[in-house]
PDB file of N, CA and C in Angstrom:
ATOM      1  N   MET A   1     198.508-166.372 -59.940  1.00  0.00           N
ATOM      2  CA  MET A   1     199.579-165.461 -59.607  1.00  0.00           C
ATOM      3  C   MET A   1     200.851-166.222 -59.250  1.00  0.00           C
ATOM      4  N   LEU A   2     200.705-167.322 -58.508  1.00  0.00           N
ATOM      5  CA  LEU A   2     201.879-168.104 -58.143  1.00  0.00           C
ATOM      6  C   LEU A   2     202.543-168.689 -59.378  1.00  0.00           C
ATOM      7  N   ARG A   3     201.763-169.265 -60.245  1.00  0.00           N
ATOM      8  CA  ARG A   3     202.318-169.857 -61.469  1.00  0.00           C
ATOM      9  C   ARG A   3     203.022-168.799 -62.320  1.00  0.00           C
ATOM     10  N   ASN A   4     202.455-167.604 -62.411  1.00  0.00           N
ATOM     11  CA  ASN A   4     203.075-166.527 -63.174  1.00  0.00           C
ATOM     12  C   ASN A   4     204.439-166.154 -62.619  1.00  0.00           C
ATOM     13  N   ARG A   5     204.656-166.418 -61.346  1.00  0.00           N
ATOM     14  CA  ARG A   5     205.945-166.119 -60.713  1.00  0.00           C
ATOM     15  C   ARG A   5     206.875-167.335 -60.707  1.00  0.00           C
ATOM     16  N   GLY A   6     206.442-168.419 -61.335  1.00  0.00           N
ATOM     17  CA  GLY A   6     207.266-169.614 -61.415  1.00  0.00           C
ATOM     18  C   GLY A   6     207.279-170.448 -60.150  1.00  0.00           C
ATOM     19  N   ILE A   7     206.297-170.251 -59.304  1.00  0.00           N
ATOM     20  CA  ILE A   7     206.227-170.995 -58.043  1.00  0.00           C
ATOM     21  C   ILE A   7     205.427-172.272 -58.269  1.00  0.00           C
ATOM     22  N   ASP A   8     206.043-173.397 -57.916  1.00  0.00           N
ATOM     23  CA  ASP A   8     205.343-174.676 -58.063  1.00  0.00           C
ATOM     24  C   ASP A   8     205.421-175.521 -56.797  1.00  0.00           C
ATOM     25  N   GLU A   9     206.088-174.999 -55.782  1.00  0.00           N
ATOM     26  CA  GLU A   9     206.220-175.710 -54.506  1.00  0.00           C
ATOM     27  C   GLU A   9     205.775-174.785 -53.378  1.00  0.00           C
ATOM     28  N   LEU A  10     204.930-175.313 -52.486  1.00  0.00           N
ATOM     29  CA  LEU A  10     204.406-174.510 -51.384  1.00  0.00           C
ATOM     30  C   LEU A  10     204.796-175.124 -50.043  1.00  0.00           C
ATOM     31  N   ILE A  11     205.110-174.269 -49.094  1.00  0.00           N
ATOM     32  CA  ILE A  11     205.357-174.662 -47.713  1.00  0.00           C
ATOM     33  C   ILE A  11     204.111-174.233 -46.939  1.00  0.00           C
ATOM     34  N   ILE A  12     203.425-175.197 -46.342  1.00  0.00           N
ATOM     35  CA  ILE A  12     202.137-174.945 -45.696  1.00  0.00           C
ATOM     36  C   ILE A  12     202.306-174.928 -44.177  1.00  0.00           C
ATOM     37  N   THR A  13     201.781-173.875 -43.545  1.00  0.00           N
ATOM     38  CA  THR A  13     201.777-173.727 -42.085  1.00  0.00           C
ATOM     39  C   THR A  13     200.455-173.086 -41.686  1.00  0.00           C
ATOM     40  N   GLY A  14     200.190-173.032 -40.386  1.00  0.00           N
ATOM     41  CA  GLY A  14     199.014-172.299 -39.927  1.00  0.00           C
ATOM     42  C   GLY A  14     198.175-173.036 -38.914  1.00  0.00           C
ATOM     43  N   VAL A  15     196.999-172.496 -38.667  1.00  0.00           N
ATOM     44  CA  VAL A  15     196.016-173.086 -37.764  1.00  0.00           C
ATOM     45  C   VAL A  15     194.677-173.069 -38.487  1.00  0.00           C
ATOM     46  N   THR A  16     193.853-173.907 -38.262  1.00  0.00           N
ATOM     47  CA  THR A  16     193.884-175.156 -37.530  1.00  0.00           C
ATOM     48  C   THR A  16     194.299-176.280 -38.474  1.00  0.00           C
ATOM     49  N   THR A  17     195.159-177.162 -37.979  1.00  0.00           N
ATOM     50  CA  THR A  17     195.731-178.216 -38.819  1.00  0.00           C
ATOM     51  C   THR A  17     194.650-179.062 -39.474  1.00  0.00           C
ATOM     52  N   GLU A  18     193.650-179.451 -38.707  1.00  0.00           N
ATOM     53  CA  GLU A  18     192.644-180.392 -39.201  1.00  0.00           C
ATOM     54  C   GLU A  18     191.586-179.748 -40.094  1.00  0.00           C
ATOM     55  N   VAL A  19     191.566-178.422 -40.184  1.00  0.00           N
ATOM     56  CA  VAL A  19     190.547-177.760 -41.001  1.00  0.00           C
ATOM     57  C   VAL A  19     191.219-176.887 -42.062  1.00  0.00           C
ATOM     58  N   CYS A  20     191.591-175.690 -41.685  1.00  0.00           N
ATOM     59  CA  CYS A  20     192.126-174.723 -42.654  1.00  0.00           C
ATOM     60  C   CYS A  20     193.411-175.194 -43.319  1.00  0.00           C
ATOM     61  N   VAL A  21     194.336-175.703 -42.534  1.00  0.00           N
ATOM     62  CA  VAL A  21     195.626-176.120 -43.080  1.00  0.00           C
ATOM     63  C   VAL A  21     195.450-177.289 -44.045  1.00  0.00           C
ATOM     64  N   SER A  22     194.732-178.315 -43.610  1.00  0.00           N
ATOM     65  CA  SER A  22     194.566-179.481 -44.495  1.00  0.00           C
ATOM     66  C   SER A  22     193.744-179.130 -45.730  1.00  0.00           C
ATOM     67  N   SER A  23     192.766-178.254 -45.598  1.00  0.00           N
ATOM     68  CA  SER A  23     191.977-177.838 -46.765  1.00  0.00           C
ATOM     69  C   SER A  23     192.829-177.069 -47.759  1.00  0.00           C
ATOM     70  N   THR A  24     193.667-176.193 -47.260  1.00  0.00           N
ATOM     71  CA  THR A  24     194.564-175.428 -48.128  1.00  0.00           C
ATOM     72  C   THR A  24     195.530-176.353 -48.850  1.00  0.00           C
ATOM     73  N   LEU A  25     196.113-177.291 -48.114  1.00  0.00           N
ATOM     74  CA  LEU A  25     197.054-178.228 -48.713  1.00  0.00           C
ATOM     75  C   LEU A  25     196.375-179.071 -49.792  1.00  0.00           C
ATOM     76  N   ARG A  26     195.233-179.603 -49.507  1.00  0.00           N
ATOM     77  CA  ARG A  26     194.531-180.440 -50.486  1.00  0.00           C
ATOM     78  C   ARG A  26     194.151-179.642 -51.735  1.00  0.00           C
ATOM     79  N   SER A  27     193.713-178.427 -51.552  1.00  0.00           N
ATOM     80  CA  SER A  27     193.381-177.584 -52.704  1.00  0.00           C
ATOM     81  C   SER A  27     194.613-177.312 -53.553  1.00  0.00           C
ATOM     82  N   ALA A  28     195.730-177.030 -52.893  1.00  0.00           N
ATOM     83  CA  ALA A  28     196.972-176.761 -53.616  1.00  0.00           C
ATOM     84  C   ALA A  28     197.445-177.989 -54.382  1.00  0.00           C
ATOM     85  N   VAL A  29     197.346-179.153 -53.769  1.00  0.00           N
ATOM     86  CA  VAL A  29     197.731-180.397 -54.447  1.00  0.00           C
ATOM     87  C   VAL A  29     196.826-180.628 -55.662  1.00  0.00           C
ATOM     88  N   ASP A  30     195.535-180.388 -55.498  1.00  0.00           N
ATOM     89  CA  ASP A  30     194.605-180.547 -56.624  1.00  0.00           C
ATOM     90  C   ASP A  30     194.954-179.612 -57.783  1.00  0.00           C
ATOM     91  N   LEU A  31     195.562-178.463 -57.466  1.00  0.00           N
ATOM     92  CA  LEU A  31     195.968-177.508 -58.496  1.00  0.00           C
ATOM     93  C   LEU A  31     197.351-177.810 -59.065  1.00  0.00           C
ATOM     94  N   GLY A  32     197.977-178.882 -58.574  1.00  0.00           N
ATOM     95  CA  GLY A  32     199.250-179.309 -59.131  1.00  0.00           C
ATOM     96  C   GLY A  32     200.492-178.799 -58.422  1.00  0.00           C
ATOM     97  N   PHE A  33     200.337-178.202 -57.257  1.00  0.00           N
ATOM     98  CA  PHE A  33     201.498-177.728 -56.503  1.00  0.00           C
ATOM     99  C   PHE A  33     202.083-178.863 -55.674  1.00  0.00           C
ATOM    100  N   ALA A  34     203.396-178.888 -55.562  1.00  0.00           N
ATOM    101  CA  ALA A  34     204.076-179.797 -54.643  1.00  0.00           C
ATOM    102  C   ALA A  34     204.042-179.127 -53.271  1.00  0.00           C
ATOM    103  N   CYS A  35     203.561-179.836 -52.266  1.00  0.00           N
ATOM    104  CA  CYS A  35     203.361-179.221 -50.958  1.00  0.00           C
ATOM    105  C   CYS A  35     204.160-179.913 -49.866  1.00  0.00           C
ATOM    106  N   THR A  36     204.630-179.094 -48.937  1.00  0.00           N
ATOM    107  CA  THR A  36     205.266-179.573 -47.725  1.00  0.00           C
ATOM    108  C   THR A  36     204.511-178.976 -46.550  1.00  0.00           C
ATOM    109  N   LEU A  37     204.051-179.817 -45.669  1.00  0.00           N
ATOM    110  CA  LEU A  37     203.373-179.381 -44.447  1.00  0.00           C
ATOM    111  C   LEU A  37     204.392-179.393 -43.319  1.00  0.00           C
ATOM    112  N   VAL A  38     204.572-178.256 -42.671  1.00  0.00           N
ATOM    113  CA  VAL A  38     205.542-178.133 -41.583  1.00  0.00           C
ATOM    114  C   VAL A  38     204.813-178.408 -40.276  1.00  0.00           C
ATOM    115  N   ASP A  39     205.048-179.604 -39.721  1.00  0.00           N
ATOM    116  CA  ASP A  39     204.234-180.067 -38.594  1.00  0.00           C
ATOM    117  C   ASP A  39     204.361-179.210 -37.341  1.00  0.00           C
ATOM    118  N   ASP A  40     205.542-178.679 -37.054  1.00  0.00           N
ATOM    119  CA  ASP A  40     205.690-177.866 -35.848  1.00  0.00           C
ATOM    120  C   ASP A  40     205.407-176.386 -36.098  1.00  0.00           C
ATOM    121  N   ALA A  41     204.914-176.067 -37.286  1.00  0.00           N
ATOM    122  CA  ALA A  41     204.481-174.704 -37.606  1.00  0.00           C
ATOM    123  C   ALA A  41     202.980-174.688 -37.887  1.00  0.00           C
ATOM    124  N   CYS A  42     202.299-175.720 -37.419  1.00  0.00           N
ATOM    125  CA  CYS A  42     200.844-175.835 -37.499  1.00  0.00           C
ATOM    126  C   CYS A  42     200.329-176.082 -36.091  1.00  0.00           C
ATOM    127  N   GLY A  43     199.069-175.830 -35.895  1.00  0.00           N
ATOM    128  CA  GLY A  43     198.528-176.066 -34.564  1.00  0.00           C
ATOM    129  C   GLY A  43     197.029-176.237 -34.559  1.00  0.00           C
ATOM    130  N   SER A  44     196.573-176.718 -33.431  1.00  0.00           N
ATOM    131  CA  SER A  44     195.154-176.959 -33.227  1.00  0.00           C
ATOM    132  C   SER A  44     194.864-176.920 -31.730  1.00  0.00           C
ATOM    133  N   ALA A  45     193.665-176.587 -31.383  1.00  0.00           N
ATOM    134  CA  ALA A  45     193.253-176.650 -29.977  1.00  0.00           C
ATOM    135  C   ALA A  45     193.045-178.096 -29.536  1.00  0.00           C
ATOM    136  N   TYR A  46     193.048-179.009 -30.498  1.00  0.00           N
ATOM    137  CA  TYR A  46     192.781-180.415 -30.225  1.00  0.00           C
ATOM    138  C   TYR A  46     193.967-181.262 -30.690  1.00  0.00           C
ATOM    139  N   PRO A  47     194.874-181.603 -29.781  1.00  0.00           N
ATOM    140  CA  PRO A  47     196.079-182.356 -30.156  1.00  0.00           C
ATOM    141  C   PRO A  47     195.798-183.640 -30.928  1.00  0.00           C
ATOM    142  N   ALA A  48     194.761-184.349 -30.585  1.00  0.00           N
ATOM    143  CA  ALA A  48     194.453-185.597 -31.295  1.00  0.00           C
ATOM    144  C   ALA A  48     194.079-185.321 -32.748  1.00  0.00           C
ATOM    145  N   LEU A  49     193.343-184.257 -33.003  1.00  0.00           N
ATOM    146  CA  LEU A  49     192.973-183.910 -34.376  1.00  0.00           C
ATOM    147  C   LEU A  49     194.180-183.403 -35.156  1.00  0.00           C
ATOM    148  N   HIS A  50     195.053-182.673 -34.495  1.00  0.00           N
ATOM    149  CA  HIS A  50     196.301-182.209 -35.114  1.00  0.00           C
ATOM    150  C   HIS A  50     197.107-183.421 -35.581  1.00  0.00           C
ATOM    151  N   ALA A  51     197.290-184.378 -34.682  1.00  0.00           N
ATOM    152  CA  ALA A  51     198.061-185.588 -35.010  1.00  0.00           C
ATOM    153  C   ALA A  51     197.401-186.373 -36.138  1.00  0.00           C
ATOM    154  N   ALA A  52     196.090-186.489 -36.098  1.00  0.00           N
ATOM    155  CA  ALA A  52     195.373-187.224 -37.150  1.00  0.00           C
ATOM    156  C   ALA A  52     195.526-186.529 -38.504  1.00  0.00           C
ATOM    157  N   ALA A  53     195.444-185.206 -38.519  1.00  0.00           N
ATOM    158  CA  ALA A  53     195.592-184.464 -39.772  1.00  0.00           C
ATOM    159  C   ALA A  53     196.995-184.646 -40.345  1.00  0.00           C
ATOM    160  N   LEU A  54     198.013-184.606 -39.486  1.00  0.00           N
ATOM    161  CA  LEU A  54     199.384-184.832 -39.955  1.00  0.00           C
ATOM    162  C   LEU A  54     199.521-186.226 -40.541  1.00  0.00           C
ATOM    163  N   ALA A  55     198.946-187.206 -39.872  1.00  0.00           N
ATOM    164  CA  ALA A  55     199.010-188.590 -40.363  1.00  0.00           C
ATOM    165  C   ALA A  55     198.308-188.725 -41.711  1.00  0.00           C
ATOM    166  N   MET A  56     197.166-188.065 -41.877  1.00  0.00           N
ATOM    167  CA  MET A  56     196.441-188.137 -43.143  1.00  0.00           C
ATOM    168  C   MET A  56     197.218-187.491 -44.277  1.00  0.00           C
ATOM    169  N   MET A  57     197.933-186.418 -43.986  1.00  0.00           N
ATOM    170  CA  MET A  57     198.701-185.747 -45.028  1.00  0.00           C
ATOM    171  C   MET A  57     199.865-186.613 -45.514  1.00  0.00           C
ATOM    172  N   ALA A  58     200.417-187.432 -44.645  1.00  0.00           N
ATOM    173  CA  ALA A  58     201.572-188.263 -44.986  1.00  0.00           C
ATOM    174  C   ALA A  58     201.183-189.649 -45.486  1.00  0.00           C
ATOM    175  N   VAL A  59     199.902-189.925 -45.593  1.00  0.00           N
ATOM    176  CA  VAL A  59     199.434-191.256 -45.961  1.00  0.00           C
ATOM    177  C   VAL A  59     199.944-191.677 -47.341  1.00  0.00           C
ATOM    178  N   GLU A  60     200.133-192.954 -47.495  1.00  0.00           N
ATOM    179  CA  GLU A  60     200.529-193.574 -48.753  1.00  0.00           C
ATOM    180  C   GLU A  60     201.766-192.923 -49.365  1.00  0.00           C
ATOM    181  N   GLY A  61     202.784-192.754 -48.525  1.00  0.00           N
ATOM    182  CA  GLY A  61     204.046-192.221 -49.022  1.00  0.00           C
ATOM    183  C   GLY A  61     203.986-190.763 -49.436  1.00  0.00           C
ATOM    184  N   GLY A  62     203.076-190.026 -48.879  1.00  0.00           N
ATOM    185  CA  GLY A  62     202.991-188.603 -49.189  1.00  0.00           C
ATOM    186  C   GLY A  62     202.074-188.275 -50.345  1.00  0.00           C
ATOM    187  N   LEU A  63     200.972-188.969 -50.437  1.00  0.00           N
ATOM    188  CA  LEU A  63     199.995-188.740 -51.502  1.00  0.00           C
ATOM    189  C   LEU A  63     199.614-187.259 -51.607  1.00  0.00           C
ATOM    190  N   PHE A  64     199.479-186.601 -50.462  1.00  0.00           N
ATOM    191  CA  PHE A  64     199.084-185.192 -50.452  1.00  0.00           C
ATOM    192  C   PHE A  64     200.270-184.253 -50.294  1.00  0.00           C
ATOM    193  N   GLY A  65     201.451-184.784 -50.274  1.00  0.00           N
ATOM    194  CA  GLY A  65     202.636-183.968 -50.057  1.00  0.00           C
ATOM    195  C   GLY A  65     203.453-184.584 -48.940  1.00  0.00           C
ATOM    196  N   ARG A  66     204.464-183.876 -48.528  1.00  0.00           N
ATOM    197  CA  ARG A  66     205.300-184.413 -47.464  1.00  0.00           C
ATOM    198  C   ARG A  66     205.096-183.628 -46.180  1.00  0.00           C
ATOM    199  N   VAL A  67     205.420-184.274 -45.090  1.00  0.00           N
ATOM    200  CA  VAL A  67     205.317-183.650 -43.769  1.00  0.00           C
ATOM    201  C   VAL A  67     206.712-183.672 -43.165  1.00  0.00           C
ATOM    202  N   CYS A  68     207.166-182.526 -42.678  1.00  0.00           N
ATOM    203  CA  CYS A  68     208.456-182.460 -41.994  1.00  0.00           C
ATOM    204  C   CYS A  68     208.405-181.347 -40.959  1.00  0.00           C
ATOM    205  N   ASP A  69     209.495-181.193 -40.208  1.00  0.00           N
ATOM    206  CA  ASP A  69     209.513-180.131 -39.205  1.00  0.00           C
ATOM    207  C   ASP A  69     210.303-178.927 -39.707  1.00  0.00           C
ATOM    208  N   SER A  70     210.249-177.850 -38.958  1.00  0.00           N
ATOM    209  CA  SER A  70     210.866-176.599 -39.385  1.00  0.00           C
ATOM    210  C   SER A  70     212.383-176.707 -39.481  1.00  0.00           C
ATOM    211  N   GLN A  71     213.005-177.506 -38.637  1.00  0.00           N
ATOM    212  CA  GLN A  71     214.456-177.668 -38.710  1.00  0.00           C
ATOM    213  C   GLN A  71     214.868-178.301 -40.033  1.00  0.00           C
ATOM    214  N   GLN A  72     214.093-179.263 -40.501  1.00  0.00           N
ATOM    215  CA  GLN A  72     214.399-179.893 -41.784  1.00  0.00           C
ATOM    216  C   GLN A  72     214.249-178.903 -42.927  1.00  0.00           C
ATOM    217  N   ILE A  73     213.192-178.105 -42.904  1.00  0.00           N
ATOM    218  CA  ILE A  73     212.986-177.091 -43.945  1.00  0.00           C
ATOM    219  C   ILE A  73     214.149-176.103 -43.955  1.00  0.00           C
ATOM    220  N   LEU A  74     214.541-175.618 -42.780  1.00  0.00           N
ATOM    221  CA  LEU A  74     215.642-174.657 -42.709  1.00  0.00           C
ATOM    222  C   LEU A  74     216.947-175.265 -43.222  1.00  0.00           C
ATOM    223  N   ALA A  75     217.198-176.519 -42.895  1.00  0.00           N
ATOM    224  CA  ALA A  75     218.403-177.197 -43.374  1.00  0.00           C
ATOM    225  C   ALA A  75     218.383-177.323 -44.901  1.00  0.00           C
ATOM    226  N   GLU A  76     217.229-177.642 -45.460  1.00  0.00           N
ATOM    227  CA  GLU A  76     217.110-177.757 -46.916  1.00  0.00           C
ATOM    228  C   GLU A  76     217.339-176.410 -47.593  1.00  0.00           C
ATOM    229  N   TRP A  77     216.806-175.352 -46.999  1.00  0.00           N
ATOM    230  CA  TRP A  77     217.014-174.022 -47.569  1.00  0.00           C
ATOM    231  C   TRP A  77     218.486-173.633 -47.514  1.00  0.00           C
ATOM    232  N   GLU A  78     219.126-173.975 -46.434  1.00  0.00           N
ATOM    233  CA  GLU A  78     220.552-173.671 -46.284  1.00  0.00           C
ATOM    234  C   GLU A  78     221.371-174.416 -47.342  1.00  0.00           C
ATOM    235  N   GLU A  79     221.007-175.655 -47.636  1.00  0.00           N
ATOM    236  CA  GLU A  79     221.705-176.448 -48.664  1.00  0.00           C
ATOM    237  C   GLU A  79     221.546-175.838 -50.049  1.00  0.00           C
ATOM    238  N   ARG A  80     220.414-175.200 -50.300  1.00  0.00           N
ATOM    239  CA  ARG A  80     220.133-174.624 -51.621  1.00  0.00           C
ATOM    240  C   ARG A  80     220.905-173.327 -51.866  1.00  0.00           C
ATOM    241  N   ARG A  81     221.408-172.717 -50.828  1.00  0.00           N
ATOM    242  CA  ARG A  81     222.130-171.443 -50.971  1.00  0.00           C
ATOM    243  C   ARG A  81     223.361-171.575 -51.779  1.00  0.00           C
TER     244      ARG A  81
END
């Protein structure tokens, strides 16, 4: 459905960062989507696991996509207007 609408880039947010969020991001990357994980729009009951999941997503120059905060995303959207 996303491809039919011309969507090829996803902004990923949610809970829990180390489980649902990272699984969704990895699945999307495997399907060929460019992904951005918004670190301050994700959460976990376990801060250490949240931090580890963010670090894993950004590994090797963004192998699984990029990680940024919501202010950066909003600024990028504003530039595209």
